Amino acid sequence: MQRIDRSRRVAEVIRRELAQLVQVNKVTSGSSSLLSITAVELTRDLKQATVFFTLLGEAEHSENTLSNLKENASKLRYELSQRLNLRHTPLLTFRHDESIERGVYMSQLIDSLSSAKEEHS
């Protein structure tokens, strides 16, 4: 139980610090999208972190942003190690988080069903 709690706490600290680092380093490289770090999942040994991000604004830039994040992963890891007091700074793997887009899509479907139901009533 303690290990899971520690993993969650460390993941949250990493998420917050990476969110700041990404904004400072301007990883999005010129796109007007707003990059947000949504979650971090750590392995049990805390040596690998999967970082989920989303882009608010221009979703078509997600591939470009993903490649920029991958290119800057070692630099971000180094800067993270300077900010955090961890024995080992985890390796960073980035993945686009599609949950927000999926939620918006589901909300639109529900709204369209509701309006269709009202038209038929």
PDB file of N, CA and C in Angstrom:
ATOM      1  N   MET A   1       0.813  -1.194   0.000  1.00  0.00           N
ATOM      2  CA  MET A   1       0.000   0.000   0.000  1.00  0.00           C
ATOM      3  C   MET A   1       0.862   1.266   0.000  1.00  0.00           C
ATOM      4  N   GLN A   2       1.933   1.267   0.794  1.00  0.00           N
ATOM      5  CA  GLN A   2       2.814   2.427   0.844  1.00  0.00           C
ATOM      6  C   GLN A   2       3.463   2.692  -0.504  1.00  0.00           C
ATOM      7  N   ARG A   3       3.836   1.634  -1.199  1.00  0.00           N
ATOM      8  CA  ARG A   3       4.510   1.771  -2.481  1.00  0.00           C
ATOM      9  C   ARG A   3       3.598   2.441  -3.506  1.00  0.00           C
ATOM     10  N   ILE A   4       2.303   2.085  -3.491  1.00  0.00           N
ATOM     11  CA  ILE A   4       1.346   2.680  -4.419  1.00  0.00           C
ATOM     12  C   ILE A   4       1.155   4.156  -4.102  1.00  0.00           C
ATOM     13  N   ASP A   5       1.033   4.496  -2.825  1.00  0.00           N
ATOM     14  CA  ASP A   5       0.872   5.893  -2.430  1.00  0.00           C
ATOM     15  C   ASP A   5       2.094   6.715  -2.822  1.00  0.00           C
ATOM     16  N   ARG A   6       3.272   6.161  -2.605  1.00  0.00           N
ATOM     17  CA  ARG A   6       4.495   6.873  -2.979  1.00  0.00           C
ATOM     18  C   ARG A   6       4.541   7.070  -4.483  1.00  0.00           C
ATOM     19  N   SER A   7       4.183   6.051  -5.234  1.00  0.00           N
ATOM     20  CA  SER A   7       4.178   6.147  -6.687  1.00  0.00           C
ATOM     21  C   SER A   7       3.230   7.244  -7.160  1.00  0.00           C
ATOM     22  N   ARG A   8       2.055   7.318  -6.556  1.00  0.00           N
ATOM     23  CA  ARG A   8       1.096   8.369  -6.927  1.00  0.00           C
ATOM     24  C   ARG A   8       1.618   9.757  -6.589  1.00  0.00           C
ATOM     25  N   ARG A   9       2.199   9.894  -5.422  1.00  0.00           N
ATOM     26  CA  ARG A   9       2.731  11.202  -5.012  1.00  0.00           C
ATOM     27  C   ARG A   9       3.866  11.640  -5.924  1.00  0.00           C
ATOM     28  N   VAL A  10       4.785  10.726  -6.211  1.00  0.00           N
ATOM     29  CA  VAL A  10       5.910  11.047  -7.085  1.00  0.00           C
ATOM     30  C   VAL A  10       5.406  11.382  -8.491  1.00  0.00           C
ATOM     31  N   ALA A  11       4.429  10.632  -8.979  1.00  0.00           N
ATOM     32  CA  ALA A  11       3.864  10.892 -10.307  1.00  0.00           C
ATOM     33  C   ALA A  11       3.245  12.282 -10.366  1.00  0.00           C
ATOM     34  N   GLU A  12       2.546  12.674  -9.332  1.00  0.00           N
ATOM     35  CA  GLU A  12       1.925  14.003  -9.306  1.00  0.00           C
ATOM     36  C   GLU A  12       2.976  15.108  -9.267  1.00  0.00           C
ATOM     37  N   VAL A  13       4.028  14.912  -8.502  1.00  0.00           N
ATOM     38  CA  VAL A  13       5.106  15.904  -8.440  1.00  0.00           C
ATOM     39  C   VAL A  13       5.787  16.004  -9.810  1.00  0.00           C
ATOM     40  N   ILE A  14       6.029  14.888 -10.445  1.00  0.00           N
ATOM     41  CA  ILE A  14       6.639  14.889 -11.771  1.00  0.00           C
ATOM     42  C   ILE A  14       5.725  15.606 -12.765  1.00  0.00           C
ATOM     43  N   ARG A  15       4.415  15.351 -12.691  1.00  0.00           N
ATOM     44  CA  ARG A  15       3.473  16.007 -13.595  1.00  0.00           C
ATOM     45  C   ARG A  15       3.532  17.522 -13.458  1.00  0.00           C
ATOM     46  N   ARG A  16       3.512  17.997 -12.213  1.00  0.00           N
ATOM     47  CA  ARG A  16       3.552  19.442 -11.980  1.00  0.00           C
ATOM     48  C   ARG A  16       4.857  20.059 -12.477  1.00  0.00           C
ATOM     49  N   GLU A  17       5.968  19.422 -12.164  1.00  0.00           N
ATOM     50  CA  GLU A  17       7.261  19.957 -12.573  1.00  0.00           C
ATOM     51  C   GLU A  17       7.422  19.935 -14.090  1.00  0.00           C
ATOM     52  N   LEU A  18       6.990  18.847 -14.730  1.00  0.00           N
ATOM     53  CA  LEU A  18       7.075  18.780 -16.190  1.00  0.00           C
ATOM     54  C   LEU A  18       6.194  19.832 -16.853  1.00  0.00           C
ATOM     55  N   ALA A  19       5.036  20.087 -16.284  1.00  0.00           N
ATOM     56  CA  ALA A  19       4.157  21.113 -16.838  1.00  0.00           C
ATOM     57  C   ALA A  19       4.863  22.468 -16.849  1.00  0.00           C
ATOM     58  N   GLN A  20       5.580  22.764 -15.788  1.00  0.00           N
ATOM     59  CA  GLN A  20       6.329  24.018 -15.731  1.00  0.00           C
ATOM     60  C   GLN A  20       7.508  23.999 -16.710  1.00  0.00           C
ATOM     61  N   LEU A  21       8.238  22.896 -16.747  1.00  0.00           N
ATOM     62  CA  LEU A  21       9.395  22.799 -17.633  1.00  0.00           C
ATOM     63  C   LEU A  21       9.010  22.907 -19.107  1.00  0.00           C
ATOM     64  N   VAL A  22       7.912  22.289 -19.478  1.00  0.00           N
ATOM     65  CA  VAL A  22       7.465  22.318 -20.869  1.00  0.00           C
ATOM     66  C   VAL A  22       7.112  23.747 -21.276  1.00  0.00           C
ATOM     67  N   GLN A  23       6.494  24.491 -20.374  1.00  0.00           N
ATOM     68  CA  GLN A  23       6.143  25.877 -20.689  1.00  0.00           C
ATOM     69  C   GLN A  23       7.395  26.744 -20.794  1.00  0.00           C
ATOM     70  N   VAL A  24       8.345  26.539 -19.911  1.00  0.00           N
ATOM     71  CA  VAL A  24       9.579  27.319 -19.922  1.00  0.00           C
ATOM     72  C   VAL A  24      10.400  27.022 -21.176  1.00  0.00           C
ATOM     73  N   ASN A  25      10.479  25.746 -21.566  1.00  0.00           N
ATOM     74  CA  ASN A  25      11.295  25.343 -22.711  1.00  0.00           C
ATOM     75  C   ASN A  25      10.584  25.506 -24.044  1.00  0.00           C
ATOM     76  N   LYS A  26       9.299  25.848 -24.018  1.00  0.00           N
ATOM     77  CA  LYS A  26       8.508  26.061 -25.231  1.00  0.00           C
ATOM     78  C   LYS A  26       8.657  24.902 -26.216  1.00  0.00           C
ATOM     79  N   VAL A  27       8.302  23.713 -25.752  1.00  0.00           N
ATOM     80  CA  VAL A  27       8.456  22.475 -26.518  1.00  0.00           C
ATOM     81  C   VAL A  27       7.539  22.432 -27.737  1.00  0.00           C
ATOM     82  N   THR A  28       6.439  23.180 -27.720  1.00  0.00           N
ATOM     83  CA  THR A  28       5.497  23.120 -28.833  1.00  0.00           C
ATOM     84  C   THR A  28       6.048  23.742 -30.102  1.00  0.00           C
ATOM     85  N   SER A  29       7.111  24.478 -30.030  1.00  0.00           N
ATOM     86  CA  SER A  29       7.837  25.060 -31.159  1.00  0.00           C
ATOM     87  C   SER A  29       6.949  25.743 -32.191  1.00  0.00           C
ATOM     88  N   GLY A  30       6.362  26.833 -31.787  1.00  0.00           N
ATOM     89  CA  GLY A  30       5.694  27.681 -32.756  1.00  0.00           C
ATOM     90  C   GLY A  30       4.212  27.450 -32.948  1.00  0.00           C
ATOM     91  N   SER A  31       3.658  26.331 -32.546  1.00  0.00           N
ATOM     92  CA  SER A  31       2.217  26.164 -32.722  1.00  0.00           C
ATOM     93  C   SER A  31       1.511  26.988 -31.657  1.00  0.00           C
ATOM     94  N   SER A  32       0.307  27.426 -31.977  1.00  0.00           N
ATOM     95  CA  SER A  32      -0.427  28.266 -31.030  1.00  0.00           C
ATOM     96  C   SER A  32      -1.251  27.426 -30.063  1.00  0.00           C
ATOM     97  N   SER A  33      -1.067  26.124 -30.075  1.00  0.00           N
ATOM     98  CA  SER A  33      -1.802  25.243 -29.173  1.00  0.00           C
ATOM     99  C   SER A  33      -1.263  25.358 -27.754  1.00  0.00           C
ATOM    100  N   LEU A  34      -2.130  25.074 -26.827  1.00  0.00           N
ATOM    101  CA  LEU A  34      -1.749  25.080 -25.421  1.00  0.00           C
ATOM    102  C   LEU A  34      -1.476  23.645 -25.002  1.00  0.00           C
ATOM    103  N   LEU A  35      -0.237  23.362 -24.642  1.00  0.00           N
ATOM    104  CA  LEU A  35       0.174  22.023 -24.230  1.00  0.00           C
ATOM    105  C   LEU A  35      -0.091  21.854 -22.746  1.00  0.00           C
ATOM    106  N   SER A  36      -0.721  20.744 -22.396  1.00  0.00           N
ATOM    107  CA  SER A  36      -1.024  20.462 -21.006  1.00  0.00           C
ATOM    108  C   SER A  36      -0.596  19.037 -20.671  1.00  0.00           C
ATOM    109  N   ILE A  37       0.141  18.877 -19.591  1.00  0.00           N
ATOM    110  CA  ILE A  37       0.508  17.553 -19.100  1.00  0.00           C
ATOM    111  C   ILE A  37      -0.655  17.088 -18.226  1.00  0.00           C
ATOM    112  N   THR A  38      -1.350  16.027 -18.669  1.00  0.00           N
ATOM    113  CA  THR A  38      -2.568  15.609 -17.979  1.00  0.00           C
ATOM    114  C   THR A  38      -2.328  14.553 -16.910  1.00  0.00           C
ATOM    115  N   ALA A  39      -1.353  13.678 -17.120  1.00  0.00           N
ATOM    116  CA  ALA A  39      -1.119  12.610 -16.149  1.00  0.00           C
ATOM    117  C   ALA A  39       0.276  12.027 -16.336  1.00  0.00           C
ATOM    118  N   VAL A  40       0.748  11.375 -15.293  1.00  0.00           N
ATOM    119  CA  VAL A  40       2.016  10.639 -15.341  1.00  0.00           C
ATOM    120  C   VAL A  40       1.771   9.295 -14.676  1.00  0.00           C
ATOM    121  N   GLU A  41       2.142   8.232 -15.367  1.00  0.00           N
ATOM    122  CA  GLU A  41       2.059   6.890 -14.803  1.00  0.00           C
ATOM    123  C   GLU A  41       3.478   6.369 -14.615  1.00  0.00           C
ATOM    124  N   LEU A  42       3.770   5.914 -13.404  1.00  0.00           N
ATOM    125  CA  LEU A  42       5.096   5.399 -13.081  1.00  0.00           C
ATOM    126  C   LEU A  42       5.062   3.887 -12.939  1.00  0.00           C
ATOM    127  N   THR A  43       6.170   3.258 -13.290  1.00  0.00           N
ATOM    128  CA  THR A  43       6.297   1.836 -13.016  1.00  0.00           C
ATOM    129  C   THR A  43       6.514   1.665 -11.521  1.00  0.00           C
ATOM    130  N   ARG A  44       6.360   0.427 -11.050  1.00  0.00           N
ATOM    131  CA  ARG A  44       6.488   0.167  -9.600  1.00  0.00           C
ATOM    132  C   ARG A  44       7.859   0.548  -9.053  1.00  0.00           C
ATOM    133  N   ASP A  45       8.903   0.352  -9.862  1.00  0.00           N
ATOM    134  CA  ASP A  45      10.250   0.674  -9.394  1.00  0.00           C
ATOM    135  C   ASP A  45      10.612   2.148  -9.580  1.00  0.00           C
ATOM    136  N   LEU A  46       9.669   2.946 -10.095  1.00  0.00           N
ATOM    137  CA  LEU A  46       9.835   4.389 -10.302  1.00  0.00           C
ATOM    138  C   LEU A  46      10.932   4.732 -11.301  1.00  0.00           C
ATOM    139  N   LYS A  47      11.256   3.820 -12.189  1.00  0.00           N
ATOM    140  CA  LYS A  47      12.340   4.078 -13.138  1.00  0.00           C
ATOM    141  C   LYS A  47      11.862   4.493 -14.524  1.00  0.00           C
ATOM    142  N   GLN A  48      10.584   4.310 -14.808  1.00  0.00           N
ATOM    143  CA  GLN A  48      10.031   4.721 -16.098  1.00  0.00           C
ATOM    144  C   GLN A  48       8.715   5.439 -15.876  1.00  0.00           C
ATOM    145  N   ALA A  49       8.545   6.539 -16.592  1.00  0.00           N
ATOM    146  CA  ALA A  49       7.325   7.327 -16.470  1.00  0.00           C
ATOM    147  C   ALA A  49       6.704   7.509 -17.851  1.00  0.00           C
ATOM    148  N   THR A  50       5.424   7.232 -17.936  1.00  0.00           N
ATOM    149  CA  THR A  50       4.679   7.535 -19.147  1.00  0.00           C
ATOM    150  C   THR A  50       3.949   8.837 -18.887  1.00  0.00           C
ATOM    151  N   VAL A  51       4.245   9.839 -19.711  1.00  0.00           N
ATOM    152  CA  VAL A  51       3.698  11.179 -19.535  1.00  0.00           C
ATOM    153  C   VAL A  51       2.626  11.398 -20.591  1.00  0.00           C
ATOM    154  N   PHE A  52       1.404  11.690 -20.151  1.00  0.00           N
ATOM    155  CA  PHE A  52       0.293  11.935 -21.062  1.00  0.00           C
ATOM    156  C   PHE A  52       0.109  13.436 -21.219  1.00  0.00           C
ATOM    157  N   PHE A  53      -0.053  13.867 -22.470  1.00  0.00           N
ATOM    158  CA  PHE A  53      -0.258  15.282 -22.738  1.00  0.00           C
ATOM    159  C   PHE A  53      -1.446  15.463 -23.663  1.00  0.00           C
ATOM    160  N   THR A  54      -1.983  16.653 -23.648  1.00  0.00           N
ATOM    161  CA  THR A  54      -3.051  17.009 -24.571  1.00  0.00           C
ATOM    162  C   THR A  54      -2.796  18.403 -25.091  1.00  0.00           C
ATOM    163  N   LEU A  55      -3.312  18.667 -26.268  1.00  0.00           N
ATOM    164  CA  LEU A  55      -3.201  19.981 -26.874  1.00  0.00           C
ATOM    165  C   LEU A  55      -4.579  20.611 -26.925  1.00  0.00           C
ATOM    166  N   LEU A  56      -4.691  21.775 -26.363  1.00  0.00           N
ATOM    167  CA  LEU A  56      -5.943  22.511 -26.438  1.00  0.00           C
ATOM    168  C   LEU A  56      -5.788  23.538 -27.553  1.00  0.00           C
ATOM    169  N   GLY A  57      -6.652  23.457 -28.503  1.00  0.00           N
ATOM    170  CA  GLY A  57      -6.553  24.375 -29.637  1.00  0.00           C
ATOM    171  C   GLY A  57      -6.434  23.611 -30.928  1.00  0.00           C
ATOM    172  N   GLU A  58      -5.223  23.382 -31.371  1.00  0.00           N
ATOM    173  CA  GLU A  58      -4.971  22.762 -32.661  1.00  0.00           C
ATOM    174  C   GLU A  58      -4.526  21.313 -32.490  1.00  0.00           C
ATOM    175  N   ALA A  59      -5.475  20.389 -32.560  1.00  0.00           N
ATOM    176  CA  ALA A  59      -5.177  18.968 -32.340  1.00  0.00           C
ATOM    177  C   ALA A  59      -4.328  18.376 -33.454  1.00  0.00           C
ATOM    178  N   GLU A  60      -4.329  18.993 -34.635  1.00  0.00           N
ATOM    179  CA  GLU A  60      -3.549  18.442 -35.742  1.00  0.00           C
ATOM    180  C   GLU A  60      -2.042  18.562 -35.523  1.00  0.00           C
ATOM    181  N   HIS A  61      -1.633  19.328 -34.523  1.00  0.00           N
ATOM    182  CA  HIS A  61      -0.209  19.478 -34.219  1.00  0.00           C
ATOM    183  C   HIS A  61       0.283  18.445 -33.216  1.00  0.00           C
ATOM    184  N   SER A  62      -0.550  17.475 -32.865  1.00  0.00           N
ATOM    185  CA  SER A  62      -0.172  16.524 -31.817  1.00  0.00           C
ATOM    186  C   SER A  62       1.032  15.677 -32.215  1.00  0.00           C
ATOM    187  N   GLU A  63       1.117  15.262 -33.473  1.00  0.00           N
ATOM    188  CA  GLU A  63       2.267  14.456 -33.916  1.00  0.00           C
ATOM    189  C   GLU A  63       3.552  15.265 -33.853  1.00  0.00           C
ATOM    190  N   ASN A  64       3.495  16.517 -34.275  1.00  0.00           N
ATOM    191  CA  ASN A  64       4.666  17.392 -34.229  1.00  0.00           C
ATOM    192  C   ASN A  64       5.100  17.625 -32.786  1.00  0.00           C
ATOM    193  N   THR A  65       4.123  17.849 -31.915  1.00  0.00           N
ATOM    194  CA  THR A  65       4.433  18.066 -30.503  1.00  0.00           C
ATOM    195  C   THR A  65       5.011  16.807 -29.875  1.00  0.00           C
ATOM    196  N   LEU A  66       4.455  15.646 -30.229  1.00  0.00           N
ATOM    197  CA  LEU A  66       4.972  14.382 -29.713  1.00  0.00           C
ATOM    198  C   LEU A  66       6.425  14.196 -30.118  1.00  0.00           C
ATOM    199  N   SER A  67       6.760  14.480 -31.359  1.00  0.00           N
ATOM    200  CA  SER A  67       8.159  14.332 -31.790  1.00  0.00           C
ATOM    201  C   SER A  67       9.055  15.341 -31.081  1.00  0.00           C
ATOM    202  N   ASN A  68       8.566  16.562 -30.848  1.00  0.00           N
ATOM    203  CA  ASN A  68       9.352  17.554 -30.104  1.00  0.00           C
ATOM    204  C   ASN A  68       9.580  17.109 -28.664  1.00  0.00           C
ATOM    205  N   LEU A  69       8.552  16.536 -28.052  1.00  0.00           N
ATOM    206  CA  LEU A  69       8.705  16.039 -26.684  1.00  0.00           C
ATOM    207  C   LEU A  69       9.710  14.889 -26.631  1.00  0.00           C
ATOM    208  N   LYS A  70       9.643  13.995 -27.602  1.00  0.00           N
ATOM    209  CA  LYS A  70      10.595  12.880 -27.640  1.00  0.00           C
ATOM    210  C   LYS A  70      12.024  13.378 -27.816  1.00  0.00           C
ATOM    211  N   GLU A  71      12.200  14.381 -28.676  1.00  0.00           N
ATOM    212  CA  GLU A  71      13.538  14.947 -28.889  1.00  0.00           C
ATOM    213  C   GLU A  71      14.081  15.603 -27.627  1.00  0.00           C
ATOM    214  N   ASN A  72      13.194  16.207 -26.856  1.00  0.00           N
ATOM    215  CA  ASN A  72      13.610  16.930 -25.652  1.00  0.00           C
ATOM    216  C   ASN A  72      13.507  16.094 -24.382  1.00  0.00           C
ATOM    217  N   ALA A  73      13.218  14.809 -24.500  1.00  0.00           N
ATOM    218  CA  ALA A  73      13.007  13.963 -23.322  1.00  0.00           C
ATOM    219  C   ALA A  73      14.230  13.924 -22.405  1.00  0.00           C
ATOM    220  N   SER A  74      15.413  13.782 -22.970  1.00  0.00           N
ATOM    221  CA  SER A  74      16.602  13.703 -22.117  1.00  0.00           C
ATOM    222  C   SER A  74      16.884  15.041 -21.434  1.00  0.00           C
ATOM    223  N   LYS A  75      16.650  16.138 -22.143  1.00  0.00           N
ATOM    224  CA  LYS A  75      16.837  17.465 -21.538  1.00  0.00           C
ATOM    225  C   LYS A  75      15.823  17.682 -20.416  1.00  0.00           C
ATOM    226  N   LEU A  76      14.572  17.309 -20.664  1.00  0.00           N
ATOM    227  CA  LEU A  76      13.544  17.445 -19.632  1.00  0.00           C
ATOM    228  C   LEU A  76      13.845  16.557 -18.432  1.00  0.00           C
ATOM    229  N   ARG A  77      14.346  15.364 -18.697  1.00  0.00           N
ATOM    230  CA  ARG A  77      14.701  14.447 -17.606  1.00  0.00           C
ATOM    231  C   ARG A  77      15.833  15.037 -16.762  1.00  0.00           C
ATOM    232  N   TYR A  78      16.833  15.615 -17.432  1.00  0.00           N
ATOM    233  CA  TYR A  78      17.936  16.233 -16.706  1.00  0.00           C
ATOM    234  C   TYR A  78      17.432  17.383 -15.833  1.00  0.00           C
ATOM    235  N   GLU A  79      16.618  18.253 -16.411  1.00  0.00           N
ATOM    236  CA  GLU A  79      16.096  19.385 -15.649  1.00  0.00           C
ATOM    237  C   GLU A  79      15.195  18.918 -14.508  1.00  0.00           C
ATOM    238  N   LEU A  80      14.466  17.851 -14.740  1.00  0.00           N
ATOM    239  CA  LEU A  80      13.635  17.262 -13.696  1.00  0.00           C
ATOM    240  C   LEU A  80      14.509  16.744 -12.548  1.00  0.00           C
ATOM    241  N   SER A  81      15.633  16.130 -12.907  1.00  0.00           N
ATOM    242  CA  SER A  81      16.537  15.617 -11.874  1.00  0.00           C
ATOM    243  C   SER A  81      17.130  16.743 -11.028  1.00  0.00           C
ATOM    244  N   GLN A  82      17.294  17.931 -11.628  1.00  0.00           N
ATOM    245  CA  GLN A  82      17.816  19.073 -10.887  1.00  0.00           C
ATOM    246  C   GLN A  82      16.788  19.644  -9.907  1.00  0.00           C
ATOM    247  N   ARG A  83      15.508  19.459 -10.228  1.00  0.00           N
ATOM    248  CA  ARG A  83      14.439  20.014  -9.397  1.00  0.00           C
ATOM    249  C   ARG A  83      13.958  19.059  -8.305  1.00  0.00           C
ATOM    250  N   LEU A  84      14.057  17.755  -8.556  1.00  0.00           N
ATOM    251  CA  LEU A  84      13.507  16.775  -7.624  1.00  0.00           C
ATOM    252  C   LEU A  84      14.614  16.069  -6.856  1.00  0.00           C
ATOM    253  N   ASN A  85      14.286  15.658  -5.657  1.00  0.00           N
ATOM    254  CA  ASN A  85      15.237  14.941  -4.824  1.00  0.00           C
ATOM    255  C   ASN A  85      14.885  13.452  -4.870  1.00  0.00           C
ATOM    256  N   LEU A  86      15.207  12.815  -6.008  1.00  0.00           N
ATOM    257  CA  LEU A  86      14.941  11.393  -6.189  1.00  0.00           C
ATOM    258  C   LEU A  86      16.256  10.665  -6.414  1.00  0.00           C
ATOM    259  N   ARG A  87      16.313   9.431  -5.957  1.00  0.00           N
ATOM    260  CA  ARG A  87      17.515   8.631  -6.177  1.00  0.00           C
ATOM    261  C   ARG A  87      17.741   8.409  -7.676  1.00  0.00           C
ATOM    262  N   HIS A  88      16.664   8.056  -8.386  1.00  0.00           N
ATOM    263  CA  HIS A  88      16.720   7.858  -9.833  1.00  0.00           C
ATOM    264  C   HIS A  88      15.611   8.675 -10.475  1.00  0.00           C
ATOM    265  N   THR A  89      15.977   9.466 -11.456  1.00  0.00           N
ATOM    266  CA  THR A  89      14.958  10.187 -12.211  1.00  0.00           C
ATOM    267  C   THR A  89      14.464   9.254 -13.305  1.00  0.00           C
ATOM    268  N   PRO A  90      13.155   9.058 -13.410  1.00  0.00           N
ATOM    269  CA  PRO A  90      12.635   8.077 -14.368  1.00  0.00           C
ATOM    270  C   PRO A  90      12.864   8.486 -15.827  1.00  0.00           C
ATOM    271  N   LEU A  91      12.977   7.482 -16.670  1.00  0.00           N
ATOM    272  CA  LEU A  91      13.011   7.714 -18.113  1.00  0.00           C
ATOM    273  C   LEU A  91      11.624   8.183 -18.536  1.00  0.00           C
ATOM    274  N   LEU A  92      11.562   9.148 -19.439  1.00  0.00           N
ATOM    275  CA  LEU A  92      10.289   9.735 -19.833  1.00  0.00           C
ATOM    276  C   LEU A  92       9.849   9.225 -21.194  1.00  0.00           C
ATOM    277  N   THR A  93       8.618   8.751 -21.250  1.00  0.00           N
ATOM    278  CA  THR A  93       7.981   8.344 -22.491  1.00  0.00           C
ATOM    279  C   THR A  93       6.712   9.175 -22.621  1.00  0.00           C
ATOM    280  N   PHE A  94       6.500   9.781 -23.784  1.00  0.00           N
ATOM    281  CA  PHE A  94       5.355  10.669 -23.972  1.00  0.00           C
ATOM    282  C   PHE A  94       4.293  10.015 -24.837  1.00  0.00           C
ATOM    283  N   ARG A  95       3.018  10.250 -24.456  1.00  0.00           N
ATOM    284  CA  ARG A  95       1.879   9.743 -25.222  1.00  0.00           C
ATOM    285  C   ARG A  95       0.791  10.803 -25.254  1.00  0.00           C
ATOM    286  N   HIS A  96       0.159  10.933 -26.408  1.00  0.00           N
ATOM    287  CA  HIS A  96      -0.947  11.883 -26.547  1.00  0.00           C
ATOM    288  C   HIS A  96      -2.161  11.336 -25.803  1.00  0.00           C
ATOM    289  N   ASP A  97      -2.760  12.159 -24.975  1.00  0.00           N
ATOM    290  CA  ASP A  97      -3.943  11.777 -24.186  1.00  0.00           C
ATOM    291  C   ASP A  97      -5.182  12.203 -24.963  1.00  0.00           C
ATOM    292  N   GLU A  98      -5.944  11.235 -25.417  1.00  0.00           N
ATOM    293  CA  GLU A  98      -7.116  11.530 -26.232  1.00  0.00           C
ATOM    294  C   GLU A  98      -8.412  11.537 -25.417  1.00  0.00           C
ATOM    295  N   SER A  99      -8.314  11.448 -24.110  1.00  0.00           N
ATOM    296  CA  SER A  99      -9.522  11.354 -23.279  1.00  0.00           C
ATOM    297  C   SER A  99     -10.372  12.618 -23.348  1.00  0.00           C
ATOM    298  N   ILE A 100      -9.764  13.778 -23.444  1.00  0.00           N
ATOM    299  CA  ILE A 100     -10.528  15.020 -23.501  1.00  0.00           C
ATOM    300  C   ILE A 100     -11.306  15.091 -24.815  1.00  0.00           C
ATOM    301  N   GLU A 101     -10.621  14.782 -25.939  1.00  0.00           N
ATOM    302  CA  GLU A 101     -11.309  14.786 -27.231  1.00  0.00           C
ATOM    303  C   GLU A 101     -12.443  13.758 -27.247  1.00  0.00           C
ATOM    304  N   ARG A 102     -12.187  12.591 -26.655  1.00  0.00           N
ATOM    305  CA  ARG A 102     -13.205  11.549 -26.589  1.00  0.00           C
ATOM    306  C   ARG A 102     -14.395  12.008 -25.749  1.00  0.00           C
ATOM    307  N   GLY A 103     -14.137  12.701 -24.663  1.00  0.00           N
ATOM    308  CA  GLY A 103     -15.202  13.230 -23.819  1.00  0.00           C
ATOM    309  C   GLY A 103     -16.036  14.281 -24.533  1.00  0.00           C
ATOM    310  N   VAL A 104     -15.380  15.154 -25.282  1.00  0.00           N
ATOM    311  CA  VAL A 104     -16.102  16.171 -26.056  1.00  0.00           C
ATOM    312  C   VAL A 104     -16.972  15.499 -27.112  1.00  0.00           C
ATOM    313  N   TYR A 105     -16.425  14.492 -27.774  1.00  0.00           N
ATOM    314  CA  TYR A 105     -17.181  13.764 -28.795  1.00  0.00           C
ATOM    315  C   TYR A 105     -18.410  13.092 -28.186  1.00  0.00           C
ATOM    316  N   MET A 106     -18.243  12.443 -27.042  1.00  0.00           N
ATOM    317  CA  MET A 106     -19.367  11.782 -26.374  1.00  0.00           C
ATOM    318  C   MET A 106     -20.421  12.808 -25.948  1.00  0.00           C
ATOM    319  N   SER A 107     -19.985  13.953 -25.466  1.00  0.00           N
ATOM    320  CA  SER A 107     -20.914  15.003 -25.073  1.00  0.00           C
ATOM    321  C   SER A 107     -21.713  15.507 -26.272  1.00  0.00           C
ATOM    322  N   GLN A 108     -21.044  15.647 -27.415  1.00  0.00           N
ATOM    323  CA  GLN A 108     -21.740  16.074 -28.631  1.00  0.00           C
ATOM    324  C   GLN A 108     -22.759  15.029 -29.072  1.00  0.00           C
ATOM    325  N   LEU A 109     -22.406  13.750 -28.955  1.00  0.00           N
ATOM    326  CA  LEU A 109     -23.360  12.694 -29.301  1.00  0.00           C
ATOM    327  C   LEU A 109     -24.596  12.744 -28.413  1.00  0.00           C
ATOM    328  N   ILE A 110     -24.392  12.925 -27.128  1.00  0.00           N
ATOM    329  CA  ILE A 110     -25.509  12.999 -26.184  1.00  0.00           C
ATOM    330  C   ILE A 110     -26.385  14.205 -26.504  1.00  0.00           C
ATOM    331  N   ASP A 111     -25.741  15.347 -26.793  1.00  0.00           N
ATOM    332  CA  ASP A 111     -26.503  16.548 -27.135  1.00  0.00           C
ATOM    333  C   ASP A 111     -27.314  16.353 -28.412  1.00  0.00           C
ATOM    334  N   SER A 112     -26.724  15.701 -29.408  1.00  0.00           N
ATOM    335  CA  SER A 112     -27.454  15.480 -30.670  1.00  0.00           C
ATOM    336  C   SER A 112     -28.624  14.516 -30.446  1.00  0.00           C
ATOM    337  N   LEU A 113     -28.431  13.513 -29.606  1.00  0.00           N
ATOM    338  CA  LEU A 113     -29.531  12.603 -29.293  1.00  0.00           C
ATOM    339  C   LEU A 113     -30.657  13.313 -28.541  1.00  0.00           C
ATOM    340  N   SER A 114     -30.278  14.187 -27.639  1.00  0.00           N
ATOM    341  CA  SER A 114     -31.284  14.941 -26.878  1.00  0.00           C
ATOM    342  C   SER A 114     -32.082  15.866 -27.786  1.00  0.00           C
ATOM    343  N   SER A 115     -31.402  16.546 -28.703  1.00  0.00           N
ATOM    344  CA  SER A 115     -32.110  17.453 -29.616  1.00  0.00           C
ATOM    345  C   SER A 115     -32.967  16.656 -30.600  1.00  0.00           C
ATOM    346  N   ALA A 116     -32.510  15.484 -31.040  1.00  0.00           N
ATOM    347  CA  ALA A 116     -33.312  14.644 -31.933  1.00  0.00           C
ATOM    348  C   ALA A 116     -34.553  14.138 -31.210  1.00  0.00           C
ATOM    349  N   LYS A 117     -34.416  13.823 -29.952  1.00  0.00           N
ATOM    350  CA  LYS A 117     -35.558  13.334 -29.157  1.00  0.00           C
ATOM    351  C   LYS A 117     -36.594  14.444 -28.982  1.00  0.00           C
ATOM    352  N   GLU A 118     -36.118  15.683 -28.744  1.00  0.00           N
ATOM    353  CA  GLU A 118     -37.025  16.808 -28.582  1.00  0.00           C
ATOM    354  C   GLU A 118     -37.765  17.116 -29.884  1.00  0.00           C
ATOM    355  N   GLU A 119     -37.113  16.944 -31.020  1.00  0.00           N
ATOM    356  CA  GLU A 119     -37.755  17.197 -32.314  1.00  0.00           C
ATOM    357  C   GLU A 119     -38.851  16.194 -32.601  1.00  0.00           C
ATOM    358  N   HIS A 120     -38.671  14.958 -32.168  1.00  0.00           N
ATOM    359  CA  HIS A 120     -39.656  13.909 -32.419  1.00  0.00           C
ATOM    360  C   HIS A 120     -40.820  13.929 -31.424  1.00  0.00           C
ATOM    361  N   SER A 121     -40.658  14.680 -30.335  1.00  0.00           N
ATOM    362  CA  SER A 121     -41.713  14.724 -29.306  1.00  0.00           C
ATOM    363  C   SER A 121     -42.826  15.675 -29.645  1.00  0.00           C
TER     364      SER A 121
END
